[in-house]
Amino acid sequence: MNLKLFFVILLILFGSFLIGLTDDVLGKIGNIIMHILGIGCVVGGIMIARSKKGKKQSS
């Protein structure tokens, strides 16, 4: 559980960094790609945090 939380926090922080980062060398398309990757990291972190490991069936 702790490793999962650590991984989720890392993904969200890395995604936020990519969203906030702009670089003139990459150009407009490079910045758009970085924003898309950042949004993907944040959404991936949220999906991992919300996922349940094993769904138990009640009998």
Protein backbone atom coordinates (compact mmCIF):
# COMPACT_ATOMS: atom_id res chain seq x y z
CA MET A 1 0.00 0.00 0.00
CA ASN A 2 2.80 2.45 0.84
CA LEU A 3 4.65 1.77 -2.41
CA LYS A 4 1.45 2.38 -4.37
CA LEU A 5 0.93 5.71 -2.61
CA PHE A 6 4.54 6.72 -3.25
CA PHE A 7 4.19 5.84 -6.96
CA VAL A 8 0.94 7.82 -7.25
CA ILE A 9 2.49 10.89 -5.61
CA LEU A 10 5.51 10.68 -7.93
CA LEU A 11 3.30 10.42 -11.02
CA ILE A 12 1.17 13.39 -10.00
CA LEU A 13 4.20 15.54 -9.17
CA PHE A 14 5.96 14.61 -12.42
CA GLY A 15 2.77 15.31 -14.40
CA SER A 16 2.33 18.69 -12.71
CA PHE A 17 5.96 19.53 -13.52
CA LEU A 18 5.43 18.67 -17.19
CA ILE A 19 2.22 20.70 -17.35
CA GLY A 20 3.89 23.77 -15.84
CA LEU A 21 7.10 23.52 -17.85
CA THR A 22 7.50 25.58 -21.02
CA ASP A 23 10.61 25.61 -23.16
CA ASP A 24 11.19 27.83 -26.19
CA VAL A 25 13.64 25.36 -27.72
CA LEU A 26 10.95 22.71 -28.19
CA GLY A 27 8.55 25.02 -29.97
CA LYS A 28 4.78 25.06 -29.80
CA ILE A 29 4.29 21.39 -30.75
CA GLY A 30 6.85 20.24 -28.18
CA ASN A 31 5.10 22.20 -25.45
CA ILE A 32 1.74 20.71 -26.45
CA ILE A 33 3.23 17.20 -26.31
CA MET A 34 4.69 17.92 -22.85
CA HIS A 35 1.29 19.16 -21.62
CA ILE A 36 -0.43 16.04 -22.98
CA LEU A 37 2.15 13.79 -21.29
CA GLY A 38 1.73 15.73 -18.04
CA ILE A 39 -2.04 15.37 -18.13
CA GLY A 40 -1.60 11.66 -18.88
CA CYS A 41 0.68 11.23 -15.85
CA VAL A 42 -1.76 13.01 -13.55
CA VAL A 43 -4.73 11.01 -14.84
CA GLY A 44 -2.72 7.78 -14.62
CA GLY A 45 -1.82 8.55 -11.01
CA ILE A 46 -5.45 9.21 -10.16
CA MET A 47 -6.55 5.98 -11.85
CA ILE A 48 -3.93 3.96 -9.95
CA ALA A 49 -5.00 5.57 -6.67
CA ARG A 50 -8.66 4.77 -7.29
CA SER A 51 -8.13 1.18 -8.45
CA LYS A 52 -8.94 -1.60 -6.06
CA LYS A 53 -6.65 -4.59 -5.81
CA GLY A 54 -9.00 -7.51 -5.38
CA LYS A 55 -12.75 -7.23 -5.42
CA LYS A 56 -14.15 -9.48 -2.72
CA GLN A 57 -17.49 -11.12 -3.37
CA SER A 58 -19.93 -11.27 -0.52
CA SER A 59 -21.53 -14.66 0.03
